[in-house]
Amino acid sequence: MSAELPPRQRRALERLVERGTLTTEQSEAVAAELSADTAPQRPGGLWEVLGYAGGALVLGGASLLLGMSWEDLSRTARVGMLAAATALLVAAGIFIARSPRGVRALAVTEPSRRSRIVAVLFALASGTTAMAVGSGLDHLDSLNVAMVATGAGLLVAAVACAALPSVPGLLATGGFAYGFVLSLPGDWIGGEQIPEMVLLIALGAAWAALSAGGILERPARDRAGRIRREVGFGIGAATALSGAQWTVIGHQSWSYATTFVLAVLCFAAFLRLRSTVLLVFGVLGVTVAVPEALYDWTGGALGGPLIVLLVGAVLLTTGGLGLRLRNRLG
């Protein structure tokens, strides 16, 4: 059913007809199109909120029940409940998408309430998967349970994100990838702090490469694809900068030097890729690295208030320069 045009639009069309800009038939055609565009849509916001709330309650309820009854439940019961929660989340997502093929159909159409709900449910399912695997293997002392659990969550999140590219899927994949790297045994990677720093920076670089290469924008480079691209840059920059800060306790000079280099790389990437997210993380990196360097060079002589003042000054300076750079480049 078409909605009636607002009086202002009707008068505008009448004036165009009076001037001879439009014929009566053309005016009627324009009015029909505008009426179709302004026709009220079926309310769906409530159902979207209910979908989010339902998924959160499933995850929260499972966590709360396990927390309150952990010692009373057998291992089989724990795993069974978490596996059931995972199956429920996945089944609910497929049901809302109407079929497994419907999930793929949502991936190639414009984002909608349905696609957002399905994406959130699948992302939550990766969390319950990790919890189920961790609960089932926590009695094995010879196994790195954290690595296996985060690996399982990463696998589910990545598969879900490949089936239905979405921001929740990217965030879940990024979080589990981060946890997986940190759960790798030290004897596998040749130590802790420095190797972990290198791995996190490499992981961040991989995210940046996926974004810059347009992989995260697929299947369609529309507005939703561009948002996923920016989210990918954000995950990559956050992962790399946190990796640079991983050695701040034992190897402070390595930490601030690497952070500053990464900040410069963010600025350079912004000049080429025009990603505001990279500009923001470049400013953040400089804001963190410069006070750390000055504190180290002065042997800790800078007091707390002076450090706060210095951080504020660096933030204002780099933020102002970044804003001017963004405005100049458009």
C-alpha atoms as a PDB file:
ATOM      1  CA  MET A   1       0.000   0.000   0.000  1.00  0.00           C
ATOM      2  CA  SER A   2       1.405   3.432  -0.951  1.00  0.00           C
ATOM      3  CA  ALA A   3       1.517   6.230   1.562  1.00  0.00           C
ATOM      4  CA  GLU A   4       0.205   9.720   0.754  1.00  0.00           C
ATOM      5  CA  LEU A   5       2.891  12.287  -0.038  1.00  0.00           C
ATOM      6  CA  PRO A   6       3.609  15.002   2.517  1.00  0.00           C
ATOM      7  CA  PRO A   7       2.024  18.383   1.604  1.00  0.00           C
ATOM      8  CA  ARG A   8       5.420  19.944   0.928  1.00  0.00           C
ATOM      9  CA  GLN A   9       6.299  17.333  -1.692  1.00  0.00           C
ATOM     10  CA  ARG A  10       2.864  17.605  -3.324  1.00  0.00           C
ATOM     11  CA  ARG A  11       3.190  21.376  -3.656  1.00  0.00           C
ATOM     12  CA  ALA A  12       6.693  20.996  -5.112  1.00  0.00           C
ATOM     13  CA  LEU A  13       5.382  18.640  -7.806  1.00  0.00           C
ATOM     14  CA  GLU A  14       2.488  20.983  -8.570  1.00  0.00           C
ATOM     15  CA  ARG A  15       4.897  23.890  -9.068  1.00  0.00           C
ATOM     16  CA  LEU A  16       7.031  21.805 -11.429  1.00  0.00           C
ATOM     17  CA  VAL A  17       3.930  20.991 -13.492  1.00  0.00           C
ATOM     18  CA  GLU A  18       2.886  24.659 -13.580  1.00  0.00           C
ATOM     19  CA  ARG A  19       6.334  25.670 -14.851  1.00  0.00           C
ATOM     20  CA  GLY A  20       6.240  23.009 -17.524  1.00  0.00           C
ATOM     21  CA  THR A  21       9.243  21.173 -16.105  1.00  0.00           C
ATOM     22  CA  LEU A  22       7.145  18.029 -15.672  1.00  0.00           C
ATOM     23  CA  THR A  23       4.040  16.836 -17.445  1.00  0.00           C
ATOM     24  CA  THR A  24       1.033  15.661 -15.481  1.00  0.00           C
ATOM     25  CA  GLU A  25       1.888  12.036 -16.283  1.00  0.00           C
ATOM     26  CA  GLN A  26       5.497  12.507 -15.166  1.00  0.00           C
ATOM     27  CA  SER A  27       4.335  14.174 -11.962  1.00  0.00           C
ATOM     28  CA  GLU A  28       2.048  11.248 -11.207  1.00  0.00           C
ATOM     29  CA  ALA A  29       4.874   8.780 -11.856  1.00  0.00           C
ATOM     30  CA  VAL A  30       7.218  10.672  -9.507  1.00  0.00           C
ATOM     31  CA  ALA A  31       4.492  10.827  -6.862  1.00  0.00           C
ATOM     32  CA  ALA A  32       3.954   7.076  -7.133  1.00  0.00           C
ATOM     33  CA  GLU A  33       7.669   6.368  -6.648  1.00  0.00           C
ATOM     34  CA  LEU A  34       7.942   8.736  -3.698  1.00  0.00           C
ATOM     35  CA  SER A  35       4.832   7.233  -2.123  1.00  0.00           C
ATOM     36  CA  ALA A  36       6.295   3.743  -2.452  1.00  0.00           C
ATOM     37  CA  ASP A  37       9.565   4.870  -0.846  1.00  0.00           C
ATOM     38  CA  THR A  38       7.808   6.576   2.051  1.00  0.00           C
ATOM     39  CA  ALA A  39       5.354   3.749   2.704  1.00  0.00           C
ATOM     40  CA  PRO A  40       5.649   2.536   6.290  1.00  0.00           C
ATOM     41  CA  GLN A  41       7.639  -0.642   6.736  1.00  0.00           C
ATOM     42  CA  ARG A  42       6.575  -3.494   8.920  1.00  0.00           C
ATOM     43  CA  PRO A  43       7.939  -2.979  12.400  1.00  0.00           C
ATOM     44  CA  GLY A  44      10.845  -5.314  13.034  1.00  0.00           C
ATOM     45  CA  GLY A  45      13.003  -3.531  15.556  1.00  0.00           C
ATOM     46  CA  LEU A  46      11.341  -5.332  18.463  1.00  0.00           C
ATOM     47  CA  TRP A  47      12.045  -8.741  16.936  1.00  0.00           C
ATOM     48  CA  GLU A  48      15.668  -7.775  16.352  1.00  0.00           C
ATOM     49  CA  VAL A  49      16.062  -6.768  19.999  1.00  0.00           C
ATOM     50  CA  LEU A  50      14.369  -9.992  21.101  1.00  0.00           C
ATOM     51  CA  GLY A  51      16.768 -11.999  18.937  1.00  0.00           C
ATOM     52  CA  TYR A  52      19.792 -10.310  20.500  1.00  0.00           C
ATOM     53  CA  ALA A  53      18.365 -10.705  23.996  1.00  0.00           C
ATOM     54  CA  GLY A  54      17.590 -14.378  23.416  1.00  0.00           C
ATOM     55  CA  GLY A  55      21.102 -15.149  22.228  1.00  0.00           C
ATOM     56  CA  ALA A  56      22.652 -13.252  25.127  1.00  0.00           C
ATOM     57  CA  LEU A  57      20.399 -15.029  27.622  1.00  0.00           C
ATOM     58  CA  VAL A  58      21.352 -18.437  26.246  1.00  0.00           C
ATOM     59  CA  LEU A  59      25.054 -17.641  26.628  1.00  0.00           C
ATOM     60  CA  GLY A  60      24.635 -15.867  29.963  1.00  0.00           C
ATOM     61  CA  GLY A  61      22.353 -18.559  31.348  1.00  0.00           C
ATOM     62  CA  ALA A  62      24.781 -21.313  30.431  1.00  0.00           C
ATOM     63  CA  SER A  63      27.658 -19.403  32.042  1.00  0.00           C
ATOM     64  CA  LEU A  64      25.655 -18.629  35.184  1.00  0.00           C
ATOM     65  CA  LEU A  65      24.411 -22.180  35.586  1.00  0.00           C
ATOM     66  CA  LEU A  66      27.879 -23.592  35.184  1.00  0.00           C
ATOM     67  CA  GLY A  67      29.265 -21.051  37.611  1.00  0.00           C
ATOM     68  CA  MET A  68      26.699 -21.839  40.293  1.00  0.00           C
ATOM     69  CA  SER A  69      26.590 -25.608  39.815  1.00  0.00           C
ATOM     70  CA  TRP A  70      30.062 -26.298  38.458  1.00  0.00           C
ATOM     71  CA  GLU A  71      31.129 -28.630  41.228  1.00  0.00           C
ATOM     72  CA  ASP A  72      27.792 -30.440  41.296  1.00  0.00           C
ATOM     73  CA  LEU A  73      27.710 -31.216  37.575  1.00  0.00           C
ATOM     74  CA  SER A  74      29.602 -34.059  36.000  1.00  0.00           C
ATOM     75  CA  ARG A  75      31.956 -33.354  33.138  1.00  0.00           C
ATOM     76  CA  THR A  76      29.522 -34.982  30.733  1.00  0.00           C
ATOM     77  CA  ALA A  77      26.703 -32.753  31.956  1.00  0.00           C
ATOM     78  CA  ARG A  78      28.810 -29.618  31.570  1.00  0.00           C
ATOM     79  CA  VAL A  79      29.851 -30.453  28.042  1.00  0.00           C
ATOM     80  CA  GLY A  80      26.347 -31.582  27.133  1.00  0.00           C
ATOM     81  CA  MET A  81      24.767 -28.351  28.318  1.00  0.00           C
ATOM     82  CA  LEU A  82      27.271 -26.179  26.505  1.00  0.00           C
ATOM     83  CA  ALA A  83      27.000 -28.287  23.365  1.00  0.00           C
ATOM     84  CA  ALA A  84      23.217 -27.977  23.554  1.00  0.00           C
ATOM     85  CA  ALA A  85      23.529 -24.208  23.913  1.00  0.00           C
ATOM     86  CA  THR A  86      25.790 -24.129  20.860  1.00  0.00           C
ATOM     87  CA  ALA A  87      23.371 -26.247  18.842  1.00  0.00           C
ATOM     88  CA  LEU A  88      20.474 -24.047  19.953  1.00  0.00           C
ATOM     89  CA  LEU A  89      22.248 -20.868  18.849  1.00  0.00           C
ATOM     90  CA  VAL A  90      23.196 -22.319  15.466  1.00  0.00           C
ATOM     91  CA  ALA A  91      19.733 -23.803  14.921  1.00  0.00           C
ATOM     92  CA  ALA A  92      18.094 -20.506  15.842  1.00  0.00           C
ATOM     93  CA  GLY A  93      20.314 -18.686  13.362  1.00  0.00           C
ATOM     94  CA  ILE A  94      19.498 -21.123  10.562  1.00  0.00           C
ATOM     95  CA  PHE A  95      15.795 -20.987  11.455  1.00  0.00           C
ATOM     96  CA  ILE A  96      15.762 -17.189  11.282  1.00  0.00           C
ATOM     97  CA  ALA A  97      17.619 -17.360   7.966  1.00  0.00           C
ATOM     98  CA  ARG A  98      14.961 -19.941   6.923  1.00  0.00           C
ATOM     99  CA  SER A  99      17.515 -22.529   5.746  1.00  0.00           C
ATOM    100  CA  PRO A 100      21.265 -23.100   5.345  1.00  0.00           C
ATOM    101  CA  ARG A 101      20.912 -21.708   1.837  1.00  0.00           C
ATOM    102  CA  GLY A 102      19.169 -18.736   3.361  1.00  0.00           C
ATOM    103  CA  VAL A 103      22.330 -17.958   5.322  1.00  0.00           C
ATOM    104  CA  ARG A 104      24.289 -17.697   2.078  1.00  0.00           C
ATOM    105  CA  ALA A 105      21.489 -15.636   0.562  1.00  0.00           C
ATOM    106  CA  LEU A 106      21.749 -13.171   3.443  1.00  0.00           C
ATOM    107  CA  ALA A 107      25.466 -12.825   2.730  1.00  0.00           C
ATOM    108  CA  VAL A 108      24.889 -11.440  -0.771  1.00  0.00           C
ATOM    109  CA  THR A 109      21.972  -9.139   0.014  1.00  0.00           C
ATOM    110  CA  GLU A 110      21.831  -5.786   1.735  1.00  0.00           C
ATOM    111  CA  PRO A 111      22.215  -6.074   5.544  1.00  0.00           C
ATOM    112  CA  SER A 112      18.896  -6.460   7.314  1.00  0.00           C
ATOM    113  CA  ARG A 113      17.535  -7.178  10.765  1.00  0.00           C
ATOM    114  CA  ARG A 114      17.502 -10.867   9.921  1.00  0.00           C
ATOM    115  CA  SER A 115      21.144 -10.965   8.848  1.00  0.00           C
ATOM    116  CA  ARG A 116      22.270  -9.028  11.925  1.00  0.00           C
ATOM    117  CA  ILE A 117      20.462 -11.384  14.304  1.00  0.00           C
ATOM    118  CA  VAL A 118      21.857 -14.467  12.558  1.00  0.00           C
ATOM    119  CA  ALA A 119      25.388 -13.040  12.664  1.00  0.00           C
ATOM    120  CA  VAL A 120      25.156 -12.335  16.404  1.00  0.00           C
ATOM    121  CA  LEU A 121      23.802 -15.823  17.133  1.00  0.00           C
ATOM    122  CA  PHE A 122      26.618 -17.466  15.182  1.00  0.00           C
ATOM    123  CA  ALA A 123      29.209 -15.307  16.966  1.00  0.00           C
ATOM    124  CA  LEU A 124      27.780 -16.349  20.333  1.00  0.00           C
ATOM    125  CA  ALA A 125      27.914 -19.981  19.209  1.00  0.00           C
ATOM    126  CA  SER A 126      31.678 -19.698  18.817  1.00  0.00           C
ATOM    127  CA  GLY A 127      31.868 -18.658  22.466  1.00  0.00           C
ATOM    128  CA  THR A 128      29.837 -21.605  23.732  1.00  0.00           C
ATOM    129  CA  THR A 129      31.903 -23.916  21.518  1.00  0.00           C
ATOM    130  CA  ALA A 130      35.107 -22.773  23.201  1.00  0.00           C
ATOM    131  CA  MET A 131      33.498 -23.193  26.617  1.00  0.00           C
ATOM    132  CA  ALA A 132      32.318 -26.715  25.769  1.00  0.00           C
ATOM    133  CA  VAL A 133      35.735 -27.822  24.532  1.00  0.00           C
ATOM    134  CA  GLY A 134      37.471 -26.291  27.533  1.00  0.00           C
ATOM    135  CA  SER A 135      35.069 -27.975  29.949  1.00  0.00           C
ATOM    136  CA  GLY A 136      35.514 -31.343  28.308  1.00  0.00           C
ATOM    137  CA  LEU A 137      39.311 -31.280  28.342  1.00  0.00           C
ATOM    138  CA  ASP A 138      40.144 -29.442  31.565  1.00  0.00           C
ATOM    139  CA  HIS A 139      41.108 -32.700  33.284  1.00  0.00           C
ATOM    140  CA  LEU A 140      43.938 -33.435  30.840  1.00  0.00           C
ATOM    141  CA  ASP A 141      47.155 -32.095  32.338  1.00  0.00           C
ATOM    142  CA  SER A 142      49.199 -33.112  29.307  1.00  0.00           C
ATOM    143  CA  LEU A 143      47.133 -30.942  26.943  1.00  0.00           C
ATOM    144  CA  ASN A 144      47.122 -27.186  26.489  1.00  0.00           C
ATOM    145  CA  VAL A 145      43.399 -26.819  27.070  1.00  0.00           C
ATOM    146  CA  ALA A 146      43.359 -23.053  26.494  1.00  0.00           C
ATOM    147  CA  MET A 147      44.955 -23.456  23.074  1.00  0.00           C
ATOM    148  CA  VAL A 148      42.526 -26.191  21.994  1.00  0.00           C
ATOM    149  CA  ALA A 149      39.478 -24.322  23.333  1.00  0.00           C
ATOM    150  CA  THR A 150      40.371 -21.002  21.703  1.00  0.00           C
ATOM    151  CA  GLY A 151      41.281 -22.881  18.536  1.00  0.00           C
ATOM    152  CA  ALA A 152      37.820 -24.459  18.459  1.00  0.00           C
ATOM    153  CA  GLY A 153      36.176 -21.094  19.019  1.00  0.00           C
ATOM    154  CA  LEU A 154      38.349 -19.566  16.305  1.00  0.00           C
ATOM    155  CA  LEU A 155      37.374 -22.300  13.847  1.00  0.00           C
ATOM    156  CA  VAL A 156      33.644 -21.862  14.454  1.00  0.00           C
ATOM    157  CA  ALA A 157      33.870 -18.060  14.322  1.00  0.00           C
ATOM    158  CA  ALA A 158      35.882 -18.128  11.089  1.00  0.00           C
ATOM    159  CA  VAL A 159      33.507 -20.584   9.400  1.00  0.00           C
ATOM    160  CA  ALA A 160      30.489 -18.544  10.491  1.00  0.00           C
ATOM    161  CA  CYS A 161      32.113 -15.336   9.249  1.00  0.00           C
ATOM    162  CA  ALA A 162      32.926 -16.963   5.913  1.00  0.00           C
ATOM    163  CA  ALA A 163      29.322 -18.135   5.546  1.00  0.00           C
ATOM    164  CA  LEU A 164      27.860 -14.790   6.621  1.00  0.00           C
ATOM    165  CA  PRO A 165      30.412 -11.936   6.622  1.00  0.00           C
ATOM    166  CA  SER A 166      29.538  -9.575   9.460  1.00  0.00           C
ATOM    167  CA  VAL A 167      31.008  -7.277  12.076  1.00  0.00           C
ATOM    168  CA  PRO A 168      30.089  -9.616  14.996  1.00  0.00           C
ATOM    169  CA  GLY A 169      31.752 -12.477  13.140  1.00  0.00           C
ATOM    170  CA  LEU A 170      34.904 -10.446  12.571  1.00  0.00           C
ATOM    171  CA  LEU A 171      35.067  -9.408  16.217  1.00  0.00           C
ATOM    172  CA  ALA A 172      34.613 -12.994  17.403  1.00  0.00           C
ATOM    173  CA  THR A 173      37.256 -14.243  14.970  1.00  0.00           C
ATOM    174  CA  GLY A 174      39.665 -11.486  15.982  1.00  0.00           C
ATOM    175  CA  GLY A 175      39.180 -12.175  19.675  1.00  0.00           C
ATOM    176  CA  PHE A 176      39.714 -15.917  19.388  1.00  0.00           C
ATOM    177  CA  ALA A 177      42.708 -15.469  17.074  1.00  0.00           C
ATOM    178  CA  TYR A 178      44.263 -13.174  19.684  1.00  0.00           C
ATOM    179  CA  GLY A 179      43.604 -15.677  22.461  1.00  0.00           C
ATOM    180  CA  PHE A 180      44.914 -18.556  20.374  1.00  0.00           C
ATOM    181  CA  VAL A 181      48.250 -16.807  19.787  1.00  0.00           C
ATOM    182  CA  LEU A 182      48.671 -16.073  23.491  1.00  0.00           C
ATOM    183  CA  SER A 183      47.809 -19.661  24.436  1.00  0.00           C
ATOM    184  CA  LEU A 184      50.606 -21.172  22.338  1.00  0.00           C
ATOM    185  CA  PRO A 185      53.125 -22.935  24.618  1.00  0.00           C
ATOM    186  CA  GLY A 186      56.355 -21.047  25.208  1.00  0.00           C
ATOM    187  CA  ASP A 187      58.503 -24.006  24.179  1.00  0.00           C
ATOM    188  CA  TRP A 188      56.745 -24.036  20.796  1.00  0.00           C
ATOM    189  CA  ILE A 189      57.517 -20.420  19.955  1.00  0.00           C
ATOM    190  CA  GLY A 190      60.903 -20.132  21.652  1.00  0.00           C
ATOM    191  CA  GLY A 191      59.972 -18.213  24.777  1.00  0.00           C
ATOM    192  CA  GLU A 192      57.375 -15.760  25.923  1.00  0.00           C
ATOM    193  CA  GLN A 193      57.290 -11.946  25.747  1.00  0.00           C
ATOM    194  CA  ILE A 194      59.375 -11.257  22.602  1.00  0.00           C
ATOM    195  CA  PRO A 195      58.014 -14.196  20.528  1.00  0.00           C
ATOM    196  CA  GLU A 196      54.473 -13.360  21.629  1.00  0.00           C
ATOM    197  CA  MET A 197      55.029  -9.742  20.626  1.00  0.00           C
ATOM    198  CA  VAL A 198      56.220 -10.823  17.175  1.00  0.00           C
ATOM    199  CA  LEU A 199      53.279 -13.199  16.713  1.00  0.00           C
ATOM    200  CA  LEU A 200      50.721 -10.573  17.722  1.00  0.00           C
ATOM    201  CA  ILE A 201      52.238  -8.025  15.354  1.00  0.00           C
ATOM    202  CA  ALA A 202      52.219 -10.632  12.583  1.00  0.00           C
ATOM    203  CA  LEU A 203      48.575 -11.407  13.356  1.00  0.00           C
ATOM    204  CA  GLY A 204      47.741  -7.709  13.175  1.00  0.00           C
ATOM    205  CA  ALA A 205      49.554  -7.456   9.847  1.00  0.00           C
ATOM    206  CA  ALA A 206      47.514 -10.391   8.540  1.00  0.00           C
ATOM    207  CA  TRP A 207      44.278  -8.616   9.451  1.00  0.00           C
ATOM    208  CA  ALA A 208      45.502  -5.447   7.761  1.00  0.00           C
ATOM    209  CA  ALA A 209      46.398  -7.419   4.632  1.00  0.00           C
ATOM    210  CA  LEU A 210      42.939  -9.004   4.512  1.00  0.00           C
ATOM    211  CA  SER A 211      41.356  -5.566   4.769  1.00  0.00           C
ATOM    212  CA  ALA A 212      43.651  -3.837   2.294  1.00  0.00           C
ATOM    213  CA  GLY A 213      43.238  -6.674  -0.201  1.00  0.00           C
ATOM    214  CA  GLY A 214      39.461  -6.336  -0.167  1.00  0.00           C
ATOM    215  CA  ILE A 215      38.920  -9.835   1.233  1.00  0.00           C
ATOM    216  CA  LEU A 216      36.771  -8.584   4.101  1.00  0.00           C
ATOM    217  CA  GLU A 217      34.581  -6.562   1.729  1.00  0.00           C
ATOM    218  CA  ARG A 218      33.382  -9.629  -0.135  1.00  0.00           C
ATOM    219  CA  PRO A 219      30.980 -10.768  -1.470  1.00  0.00           C
ATOM    220  CA  ALA A 220      29.918  -7.214  -2.394  1.00  0.00           C
ATOM    221  CA  ARG A 221      31.916  -4.021  -1.994  1.00  0.00           C
ATOM    222  CA  ASP A 222      28.964  -2.046  -0.720  1.00  0.00           C
ATOM    223  CA  ARG A 223      28.602   0.091   2.393  1.00  0.00           C
ATOM    224  CA  ALA A 224      28.511  -2.992   4.631  1.00  0.00           C
ATOM    225  CA  GLY A 225      31.683  -4.267   2.966  1.00  0.00           C
ATOM    226  CA  ARG A 226      33.443  -0.969   3.610  1.00  0.00           C
ATOM    227  CA  ILE A 227      32.417  -1.120   7.265  1.00  0.00           C
ATOM    228  CA  ARG A 228      33.868  -4.634   7.548  1.00  0.00           C
ATOM    229  CA  ARG A 229      37.051  -3.345   5.922  1.00  0.00           C
ATOM    230  CA  GLU A 230      37.370  -0.613   8.551  1.00  0.00           C
ATOM    231  CA  VAL A 231      36.649  -3.099  11.347  1.00  0.00           C
ATOM    232  CA  GLY A 232      39.380  -5.353   9.958  1.00  0.00           C
ATOM    233  CA  PHE A 233      41.832  -2.464  10.005  1.00  0.00           C
ATOM    234  CA  GLY A 234      40.799  -1.725  13.587  1.00  0.00           C
ATOM    235  CA  ILE A 235      41.306  -5.329  14.692  1.00  0.00           C
ATOM    236  CA  GLY A 236      44.683  -5.449  12.963  1.00  0.00           C
ATOM    237  CA  ALA A 237      45.927  -2.171  14.416  1.00  0.00           C
ATOM    238  CA  ALA A 238      44.671  -2.980  17.919  1.00  0.00           C
ATOM    239  CA  THR A 239      46.256  -6.439  17.804  1.00  0.00           C
ATOM    240  CA  ALA A 240      49.605  -5.154  16.553  1.00  0.00           C
ATOM    241  CA  LEU A 241      49.803  -2.233  18.998  1.00  0.00           C
ATOM    242  CA  SER A 242      48.864  -4.437  21.948  1.00  0.00           C
ATOM    243  CA  GLY A 243      51.563  -6.842  20.788  1.00  0.00           C
ATOM    244  CA  ALA A 244      54.094  -4.020  20.795  1.00  0.00           C
ATOM    245  CA  GLN A 245      53.075  -3.199  24.367  1.00  0.00           C
ATOM    246  CA  TRP A 246      53.354  -6.844  25.421  1.00  0.00           C
ATOM    247  CA  THR A 247      57.008  -6.378  26.384  1.00  0.00           C
ATOM    248  CA  VAL A 248      56.563  -3.112  28.282  1.00  0.00           C
ATOM    249  CA  ILE A 249      57.502  -4.733  31.618  1.00  0.00           C
ATOM    250  CA  GLY A 250      60.628  -6.659  30.731  1.00  0.00           C
ATOM    251  CA  HIS A 251      61.792  -4.848  27.583  1.00  0.00           C
ATOM    252  CA  GLN A 252      60.470  -1.305  27.764  1.00  0.00           C
ATOM    253  CA  SER A 253      62.720   0.120  25.053  1.00  0.00           C
ATOM    254  CA  TRP A 254      61.565  -2.568  22.627  1.00  0.00           C
ATOM    255  CA  SER A 255      57.994  -1.776  23.515  1.00  0.00           C
ATOM    256  CA  TYR A 256      57.896   1.967  22.891  1.00  0.00           C
ATOM    257  CA  ALA A 257      60.185   1.771  19.864  1.00  0.00           C
ATOM    258  CA  THR A 258      57.992  -0.851  18.211  1.00  0.00           C
ATOM    259  CA  THR A 259      54.836   1.038  19.157  1.00  0.00           C
ATOM    260  CA  PHE A 260      56.186   4.217  17.561  1.00  0.00           C
ATOM    261  CA  VAL A 261      57.162   2.376  14.368  1.00  0.00           C
ATOM    262  CA  LEU A 262      53.693   0.837  14.143  1.00  0.00           C
ATOM    263  CA  ALA A 263      52.115   4.257  14.664  1.00  0.00           C
ATOM    264  CA  VAL A 264      54.165   5.660  11.778  1.00  0.00           C
ATOM    265  CA  LEU A 265      53.084   2.714   9.629  1.00  0.00           C
ATOM    266  CA  CYS A 266      49.455   3.474  10.505  1.00  0.00           C
ATOM    267  CA  PHE A 267      49.934   7.064   9.333  1.00  0.00           C
ATOM    268  CA  ALA A 268      51.595   5.879   6.125  1.00  0.00           C
ATOM    269  CA  ALA A 269      48.812   3.375   5.481  1.00  0.00           C
ATOM    270  CA  PHE A 270      46.238   6.106   6.053  1.00  0.00           C
ATOM    271  CA  LEU A 271      47.851   8.247   3.354  1.00  0.00           C
ATOM    272  CA  ARG A 272      47.448   5.412   0.877  1.00  0.00           C
ATOM    273  CA  LEU A 273      44.244   3.704   2.002  1.00  0.00           C
ATOM    274  CA  ARG A 274      42.298   6.679   3.434  1.00  0.00           C
ATOM    275  CA  SER A 275      41.158   4.663   6.433  1.00  0.00           C
ATOM    276  CA  THR A 276      40.189   6.885   9.359  1.00  0.00           C
ATOM    277  CA  VAL A 277      40.585   3.916  11.705  1.00  0.00           C
ATOM    278  CA  LEU A 278      44.294   3.724  10.862  1.00  0.00           C
ATOM    279  CA  LEU A 279      44.659   7.438  11.538  1.00  0.00           C
ATOM    280  CA  VAL A 280      43.046   7.025  14.963  1.00  0.00           C
ATOM    281  CA  PHE A 281      45.335   4.140  15.911  1.00  0.00           C
ATOM    282  CA  GLY A 282      48.343   6.067  14.621  1.00  0.00           C
ATOM    283  CA  VAL A 283      47.482   8.905  16.987  1.00  0.00           C
ATOM    284  CA  LEU A 284      46.947   6.405  19.806  1.00  0.00           C
ATOM    285  CA  GLY A 285      50.307   4.740  19.148  1.00  0.00           C
ATOM    286  CA  VAL A 286      52.223   8.021  19.272  1.00  0.00           C
ATOM    287  CA  THR A 287      50.326   9.054  22.406  1.00  0.00           C
ATOM    288  CA  VAL A 288      51.453   5.859  24.144  1.00  0.00           C
ATOM    289  CA  ALA A 289      55.013   5.626  22.787  1.00  0.00           C
ATOM    290  CA  VAL A 290      56.283   9.167  23.386  1.00  0.00           C
ATOM    291  CA  PRO A 291      55.551   9.359  27.160  1.00  0.00           C
ATOM    292  CA  GLU A 292      56.949   5.843  27.626  1.00  0.00           C
ATOM    293  CA  ALA A 293      60.156   6.824  25.852  1.00  0.00           C
ATOM    294  CA  LEU A 294      60.586  10.025  27.861  1.00  0.00           C
ATOM    295  CA  TYR A 295      59.920   8.171  31.106  1.00  0.00           C
ATOM    296  CA  ASP A 296      62.561   5.599  30.196  1.00  0.00           C
ATOM    297  CA  TRP A 297      65.131   8.171  29.044  1.00  0.00           C
ATOM    298  CA  THR A 298      64.780  10.197  32.248  1.00  0.00           C
ATOM    299  CA  GLY A 299      65.136   7.121  34.440  1.00  0.00           C
ATOM    300  CA  GLY A 300      61.622   7.467  35.810  1.00  0.00           C
ATOM    301  CA  ALA A 301      62.224  11.006  37.044  1.00  0.00           C
ATOM    302  CA  LEU A 302      58.922  12.179  35.580  1.00  0.00           C
ATOM    303  CA  GLY A 303      56.191  12.203  38.204  1.00  0.00           C
ATOM    304  CA  GLY A 304      52.646  10.982  37.725  1.00  0.00           C
ATOM    305  CA  PRO A 305      51.054  14.424  37.180  1.00  0.00           C
ATOM    306  CA  LEU A 306      53.754  15.372  34.677  1.00  0.00           C
ATOM    307  CA  ILE A 307      53.217  12.140  32.759  1.00  0.00           C
ATOM    308  CA  VAL A 308      49.477  12.830  32.590  1.00  0.00           C
ATOM    309  CA  LEU A 309      50.203  16.348  31.353  1.00  0.00           C
ATOM    310  CA  LEU A 310      52.631  15.004  28.784  1.00  0.00           C
ATOM    311  CA  VAL A 311      50.160  12.405  27.531  1.00  0.00           C
ATOM    312  CA  GLY A 312      47.532  15.113  27.132  1.00  0.00           C
ATOM    313  CA  ALA A 313      49.929  17.364  25.222  1.00  0.00           C
ATOM    314  CA  VAL A 314      50.997  14.563  22.894  1.00  0.00           C
ATOM    315  CA  LEU A 315      47.384  13.550  22.327  1.00  0.00           C
ATOM    316  CA  LEU A 316      46.345  17.109  21.488  1.00  0.00           C
ATOM    317  CA  THR A 317      49.298  17.591  19.143  1.00  0.00           C
ATOM    318  CA  THR A 318      48.982  14.329  17.264  1.00  0.00           C
ATOM    319  CA  GLY A 319      45.200  14.585  17.205  1.00  0.00           C
ATOM    320  CA  GLY A 320      45.373  18.074  15.732  1.00  0.00           C
ATOM    321  CA  LEU A 321      47.927  17.043  13.132  1.00  0.00           C
ATOM    322  CA  GLY A 322      45.875  13.970  12.268  1.00  0.00           C
ATOM    323  CA  LEU A 323      42.721  16.065  11.854  1.00  0.00           C
ATOM    324  CA  ARG A 324      44.513  18.528   9.577  1.00  0.00           C
ATOM    325  CA  LEU A 325      45.914  15.659   7.538  1.00  0.00           C
ATOM    326  CA  ARG A 326      42.485  14.083   7.180  1.00  0.00           C
ATOM    327  CA  ASN A 327      40.862  17.367   6.138  1.00  0.00           C
ATOM    328  CA  ARG A 328      43.610  18.096   3.636  1.00  0.00           C
ATOM    329  CA  LEU A 329      43.312  14.694   2.005  1.00  0.00           C
ATOM    330  CA  GLY A 330      39.533  14.653   2.167  1.00  0.00           C
END
